[in-house]
Amino acid sequence: MIITDEMLAVLDQSSGPVGLLECIEISHPNWPRVLRYIVNSSDPMDLTHEDGQTFTYSFAPLNITRSNEEENLDQKITAAIGDVGSEIPDLVDLVLKDSVRIPPILNYRAYVIGKYDLPCTYAKGLEVIVITRDWKGTSFEAQAPGLNDSGNGEIYSASTDPSLEGFYS
């Protein structure tokens, strides 16, 4: 990961407070709209994505926990959204009542405060694998799809492929 001057400014607070504005975007084909929430701003904000498109994010009581592994494909994010009425439970019901289960997709972005034209870090296309609801709100646990899970159904052994004999001796 390349450390930019903006990232260093977050660590060096000597010239005034600098921080990250974190946001999530959760979507599903059955939902009437995409949910876009920010953490550290009480006012709606227009944020520009990495592809140049600008969207409005609104405040929600939100807690985002990222996994410690950022340098590999196994990214994991947990987003706990406080009670924002019945909107999220109704949307979750649309996912659960569908005949074919398609997981919602969560995108995470972080912006350096004051620079909202390009995220300084993001994780896109994370599949929501666990949704929990309680009296406090709704939690989404999302992780990268099994990008390295592959196979062709063949079993390779030294008896069927002599070139593998060195691995078995």
C-alpha atoms as a PDB file:
ATOM      1  CA  MET A   1       0.000   0.000   0.000  1.00  0.00           C
ATOM      2  CA  ILE A   2       1.334   3.415  -0.936  1.00  0.00           C
ATOM      3  CA  ILE A   3       1.073   6.026   1.821  1.00  0.00           C
ATOM      4  CA  THR A   4       0.002   9.386   0.423  1.00  0.00           C
ATOM      5  CA  ASP A   5       0.426  12.832   1.945  1.00  0.00           C
ATOM      6  CA  GLU A   6      -3.279  12.829   2.844  1.00  0.00           C
ATOM      7  CA  MET A   7      -2.875   9.597   4.796  1.00  0.00           C
ATOM      8  CA  LEU A   8       0.122  11.014   6.646  1.00  0.00           C
ATOM      9  CA  ALA A   9      -1.944  14.092   7.538  1.00  0.00           C
ATOM     10  CA  VAL A  10      -4.433  11.831   9.314  1.00  0.00           C
ATOM     11  CA  LEU A  11      -1.616  10.608  11.559  1.00  0.00           C
ATOM     12  CA  ASP A  12       0.038  14.022  12.004  1.00  0.00           C
ATOM     13  CA  GLN A  13      -2.562  16.235  13.678  1.00  0.00           C
ATOM     14  CA  SER A  14      -0.129  19.110  14.401  1.00  0.00           C
ATOM     15  CA  SER A  15      -1.655  21.432  11.795  1.00  0.00           C
ATOM     16  CA  GLY A  16      -5.234  20.827  12.901  1.00  0.00           C
ATOM     17  CA  PRO A  17      -7.667  17.952  12.978  1.00  0.00           C
ATOM     18  CA  VAL A  18      -7.695  15.700   9.940  1.00  0.00           C
ATOM     19  CA  GLY A  19      -9.545  12.419   9.804  1.00  0.00           C
ATOM     20  CA  LEU A  20     -11.466   9.968   7.727  1.00  0.00           C
ATOM     21  CA  LEU A  21     -15.078  10.153   6.654  1.00  0.00           C
ATOM     22  CA  GLU A  22     -16.273   6.549   6.395  1.00  0.00           C
ATOM     23  CA  CYS A  23     -19.311   5.436   4.441  1.00  0.00           C
ATOM     24  CA  ILE A  24     -21.053   2.300   3.267  1.00  0.00           C
ATOM     25  CA  GLU A  25     -23.304   1.523   0.353  1.00  0.00           C
ATOM     26  CA  ILE A  26     -25.587  -1.533   0.495  1.00  0.00           C
ATOM     27  CA  SER A  27     -27.573  -2.700  -2.521  1.00  0.00           C
ATOM     28  CA  HIS A  28     -29.738  -5.596  -3.645  1.00  0.00           C
ATOM     29  CA  PRO A  29     -31.631  -6.167  -6.925  1.00  0.00           C
ATOM     30  CA  ASN A  30     -35.001  -6.345  -5.101  1.00  0.00           C
ATOM     31  CA  TRP A  31     -34.542  -3.108  -3.171  1.00  0.00           C
ATOM     32  CA  PRO A  32     -36.174   0.077  -4.475  1.00  0.00           C
ATOM     33  CA  ARG A  33     -33.041   2.116  -3.727  1.00  0.00           C
ATOM     34  CA  VAL A  34     -29.428   1.779  -2.658  1.00  0.00           C
ATOM     35  CA  LEU A  35     -28.711   2.523   1.015  1.00  0.00           C
ATOM     36  CA  ARG A  36     -25.889   5.062   1.404  1.00  0.00           C
ATOM     37  CA  TYR A  37     -24.817   6.026   4.925  1.00  0.00           C
ATOM     38  CA  ILE A  38     -21.937   8.031   6.401  1.00  0.00           C
ATOM     39  CA  VAL A  39     -20.455   7.823   9.870  1.00  0.00           C
ATOM     40  CA  ASN A  40     -18.960  11.140  10.902  1.00  0.00           C
ATOM     41  CA  SER A  41     -21.298  13.762   9.477  1.00  0.00           C
ATOM     42  CA  SER A  42     -24.773  14.689  10.639  1.00  0.00           C
ATOM     43  CA  ASP A  43     -25.621  16.419   7.346  1.00  0.00           C
ATOM     44  CA  PRO A  44     -26.191  14.687   4.000  1.00  0.00           C
ATOM     45  CA  MET A  45     -23.055  14.836   1.862  1.00  0.00           C
ATOM     46  CA  ASP A  46     -22.315  14.479  -1.835  1.00  0.00           C
ATOM     47  CA  LEU A  47     -19.365  12.116  -2.280  1.00  0.00           C
ATOM     48  CA  THR A  48     -17.645  11.245  -5.548  1.00  0.00           C
ATOM     49  CA  HIS A  49     -16.800   7.599  -6.111  1.00  0.00           C
ATOM     50  CA  GLU A  50     -13.634   6.261  -7.680  1.00  0.00           C
ATOM     51  CA  ASP A  51     -15.410   6.061 -11.069  1.00  0.00           C
ATOM     52  CA  GLY A  52     -16.301   9.791 -11.005  1.00  0.00           C
ATOM     53  CA  GLN A  53     -20.014   9.428 -10.160  1.00  0.00           C
ATOM     54  CA  THR A  54     -21.377  11.533  -7.294  1.00  0.00           C
ATOM     55  CA  PHE A  55     -23.985  10.271  -4.824  1.00  0.00           C
ATOM     56  CA  THR A  56     -25.653  11.695  -1.719  1.00  0.00           C
ATOM     57  CA  TYR A  57     -24.971   9.901   1.559  1.00  0.00           C
ATOM     58  CA  SER A  58     -27.087  10.484   4.648  1.00  0.00           C
ATOM     59  CA  PHE A  59     -26.202  10.117   8.304  1.00  0.00           C
ATOM     60  CA  ALA A  60     -27.077   6.995  10.235  1.00  0.00           C
ATOM     61  CA  PRO A  61     -25.946   5.821  13.653  1.00  0.00           C
ATOM     62  CA  LEU A  62     -23.347   3.526  12.160  1.00  0.00           C
ATOM     63  CA  ASN A  63     -20.375   1.563  13.455  1.00  0.00           C
ATOM     64  CA  ILE A  64     -17.962   0.098  10.901  1.00  0.00           C
ATOM     65  CA  THR A  65     -15.419  -2.551  11.863  1.00  0.00           C
ATOM     66  CA  ARG A  66     -12.889  -3.613   9.254  1.00  0.00           C
ATOM     67  CA  SER A  67     -10.881  -6.805   9.432  1.00  0.00           C
ATOM     68  CA  ASN A  68      -7.179  -6.559  10.103  1.00  0.00           C
ATOM     69  CA  GLU A  69      -6.305  -8.116   6.754  1.00  0.00           C
ATOM     70  CA  GLU A  70      -6.222  -5.347   4.160  1.00  0.00           C
ATOM     71  CA  GLU A  71      -3.470  -6.645   1.901  1.00  0.00           C
ATOM     72  CA  ASN A  72      -5.232  -9.784   0.675  1.00  0.00           C
ATOM     73  CA  LEU A  73      -8.481 -10.722  -1.028  1.00  0.00           C
ATOM     74  CA  ASP A  74     -10.128 -11.955   2.189  1.00  0.00           C
ATOM     75  CA  GLN A  75     -11.567  -8.609   3.244  1.00  0.00           C
ATOM     76  CA  LYS A  76     -14.290  -8.540   5.861  1.00  0.00           C
ATOM     77  CA  ILE A  77     -16.374  -5.643   7.172  1.00  0.00           C
ATOM     78  CA  THR A  78     -19.049  -5.519   9.854  1.00  0.00           C
ATOM     79  CA  ALA A  79     -21.467  -2.584   9.750  1.00  0.00           C
ATOM     80  CA  ALA A  80     -23.900  -2.047  12.621  1.00  0.00           C
ATOM     81  CA  ILE A  81     -26.642   0.425  11.726  1.00  0.00           C
ATOM     82  CA  GLY A  82     -28.650   1.845  14.609  1.00  0.00           C
ATOM     83  CA  ASP A  83     -32.419   1.918  14.553  1.00  0.00           C
ATOM     84  CA  VAL A  84     -33.479   3.999  11.538  1.00  0.00           C
ATOM     85  CA  GLY A  85     -37.119   2.941  11.595  1.00  0.00           C
ATOM     86  CA  SER A  86     -38.624   0.020   9.741  1.00  0.00           C
ATOM     87  CA  GLU A  87     -36.831   0.672   6.436  1.00  0.00           C
ATOM     88  CA  ILE A  88     -33.959  -1.770   6.880  1.00  0.00           C
ATOM     89  CA  PRO A  89     -36.033  -4.618   8.405  1.00  0.00           C
ATOM     90  CA  ASP A  90     -38.480  -4.322   5.494  1.00  0.00           C
ATOM     91  CA  LEU A  91     -35.599  -4.478   2.994  1.00  0.00           C
ATOM     92  CA  VAL A  92     -34.075  -7.482   4.765  1.00  0.00           C
ATOM     93  CA  ASP A  93     -37.457  -9.217   4.541  1.00  0.00           C
ATOM     94  CA  LEU A  94     -37.384  -8.720   0.758  1.00  0.00           C
ATOM     95  CA  VAL A  95     -34.079 -10.620   0.646  1.00  0.00           C
ATOM     96  CA  LEU A  96     -35.301 -13.436   2.891  1.00  0.00           C
ATOM     97  CA  LYS A  97     -38.627 -13.905   1.065  1.00  0.00           C
ATOM     98  CA  ASP A  98     -36.997 -14.190  -2.372  1.00  0.00           C
ATOM     99  CA  SER A  99     -37.156 -17.674  -3.920  1.00  0.00           C
ATOM    100  CA  VAL A 100     -33.513 -17.454  -5.026  1.00  0.00           C
ATOM    101  CA  ARG A 101     -31.153 -16.137  -2.365  1.00  0.00           C
ATOM    102  CA  ILE A 102     -28.996 -13.343  -3.698  1.00  0.00           C
ATOM    103  CA  PRO A 103     -26.849 -11.702  -1.020  1.00  0.00           C
ATOM    104  CA  PRO A 104     -26.865  -7.912  -0.714  1.00  0.00           C
ATOM    105  CA  ILE A 105     -23.627  -6.199  -1.777  1.00  0.00           C
ATOM    106  CA  LEU A 106     -21.754  -3.862   0.557  1.00  0.00           C
ATOM    107  CA  ASN A 107     -19.244  -1.269  -0.650  1.00  0.00           C
ATOM    108  CA  TYR A 108     -17.033   0.573   1.837  1.00  0.00           C
ATOM    109  CA  ARG A 109     -15.302   3.886   1.152  1.00  0.00           C
ATOM    110  CA  ALA A 110     -13.228   6.246   3.276  1.00  0.00           C
ATOM    111  CA  TYR A 111     -12.458   9.866   2.379  1.00  0.00           C
ATOM    112  CA  VAL A 112      -9.967  12.254   3.912  1.00  0.00           C
ATOM    113  CA  ILE A 113     -12.091  14.956   5.560  1.00  0.00           C
ATOM    114  CA  GLY A 114     -12.265  17.937   3.219  1.00  0.00           C
ATOM    115  CA  LYS A 115     -11.386  15.913   0.077  1.00  0.00           C
ATOM    116  CA  TYR A 116     -14.559  14.296  -1.151  1.00  0.00           C
ATOM    117  CA  ASP A 117     -13.704  13.968  -4.841  1.00  0.00           C
ATOM    118  CA  LEU A 118     -11.939  10.588  -4.512  1.00  0.00           C
ATOM    119  CA  PRO A 119     -11.923   7.959  -1.756  1.00  0.00           C
ATOM    120  CA  CYS A 120      -8.524   7.299  -0.193  1.00  0.00           C
ATOM    121  CA  THR A 121      -9.447   3.646   0.352  1.00  0.00           C
ATOM    122  CA  TYR A 122     -12.355   1.429  -0.602  1.00  0.00           C
ATOM    123  CA  ALA A 123     -13.558  -2.175  -0.640  1.00  0.00           C
ATOM    124  CA  LYS A 124     -16.148  -3.026  -3.275  1.00  0.00           C
ATOM    125  CA  GLY A 125     -18.354  -5.991  -3.994  1.00  0.00           C
ATOM    126  CA  LEU A 126     -18.402  -7.541  -0.530  1.00  0.00           C
ATOM    127  CA  GLU A 127     -21.223 -10.053  -0.119  1.00  0.00           C
ATOM    128  CA  VAL A 128     -23.374  -9.738   2.982  1.00  0.00           C
ATOM    129  CA  ILE A 129     -23.219 -13.198   4.547  1.00  0.00           C
ATOM    130  CA  VAL A 130     -24.825 -12.528   7.952  1.00  0.00           C
ATOM    131  CA  ILE A 131     -27.667 -10.150   8.836  1.00  0.00           C
ATOM    132  CA  THR A 132     -28.705  -9.835  12.463  1.00  0.00           C
ATOM    133  CA  ARG A 133     -31.414  -7.658  13.990  1.00  0.00           C
ATOM    134  CA  ASP A 134     -32.043  -6.712  17.579  1.00  0.00           C
ATOM    135  CA  TRP A 135     -33.524  -3.824  19.554  1.00  0.00           C
ATOM    136  CA  LYS A 136     -30.488  -1.640  18.761  1.00  0.00           C
ATOM    137  CA  GLY A 137     -30.629  -1.992  14.989  1.00  0.00           C
ATOM    138  CA  THR A 138     -29.287  -4.162  12.184  1.00  0.00           C
ATOM    139  CA  SER A 139     -25.799  -5.583  11.678  1.00  0.00           C
ATOM    140  CA  PHE A 140     -24.361  -6.655   8.349  1.00  0.00           C
ATOM    141  CA  GLU A 141     -21.291  -8.878   8.108  1.00  0.00           C
ATOM    142  CA  ALA A 142     -19.821  -8.758   4.622  1.00  0.00           C
ATOM    143  CA  GLN A 143     -16.806 -10.432   3.084  1.00  0.00           C
ATOM    144  CA  ALA A 144     -15.207 -10.779  -0.298  1.00  0.00           C
ATOM    145  CA  PRO A 145     -16.721 -13.555  -2.386  1.00  0.00           C
ATOM    146  CA  GLY A 146     -14.671 -16.745  -2.645  1.00  0.00           C
ATOM    147  CA  LEU A 147     -12.347 -15.372  -5.295  1.00  0.00           C
ATOM    148  CA  ASN A 148      -9.761 -18.103  -4.839  1.00  0.00           C
ATOM    149  CA  ASP A 149     -12.247 -20.971  -4.658  1.00  0.00           C
ATOM    150  CA  SER A 150     -11.882 -22.884  -7.885  1.00  0.00           C
ATOM    151  CA  GLY A 151     -11.615 -26.411  -9.115  1.00  0.00           C
ATOM    152  CA  ASN A 152     -12.413 -28.602 -12.068  1.00  0.00           C
ATOM    153  CA  GLY A 153     -13.593 -31.767 -10.307  1.00  0.00           C
ATOM    154  CA  GLU A 154     -10.513 -33.759 -11.336  1.00  0.00           C
ATOM    155  CA  ILE A 155      -8.418 -35.575  -8.756  1.00  0.00           C
ATOM    156  CA  TYR A 156      -4.745 -35.577  -9.600  1.00  0.00           C
ATOM    157  CA  SER A 157      -2.418 -38.284  -8.335  1.00  0.00           C
ATOM    158  CA  ALA A 158       0.892 -39.846  -9.314  1.00  0.00           C
ATOM    159  CA  SER A 159      -0.901 -42.879 -10.759  1.00  0.00           C
ATOM    160  CA  THR A 160      -2.971 -40.799 -13.199  1.00  0.00           C
ATOM    161  CA  ASP A 161      -0.348 -38.137 -13.930  1.00  0.00           C
ATOM    162  CA  PRO A 162       3.278 -39.351 -13.844  1.00  0.00           C
ATOM    163  CA  SER A 163       4.617 -35.776 -13.882  1.00  0.00           C
ATOM    164  CA  LEU A 164       3.433 -35.434 -10.265  1.00  0.00           C
ATOM    165  CA  GLU A 165       5.563 -38.353  -9.079  1.00  0.00           C
ATOM    166  CA  GLY A 166       8.224 -36.011  -7.646  1.00  0.00           C
ATOM    167  CA  PHE A 167       5.674 -34.452  -5.282  1.00  0.00           C
ATOM    168  CA  TYR A 168       4.718 -37.814  -3.804  1.00  0.00           C
ATOM    169  CA  SER A 169       8.182 -39.300  -3.240  1.00  0.00           C
END
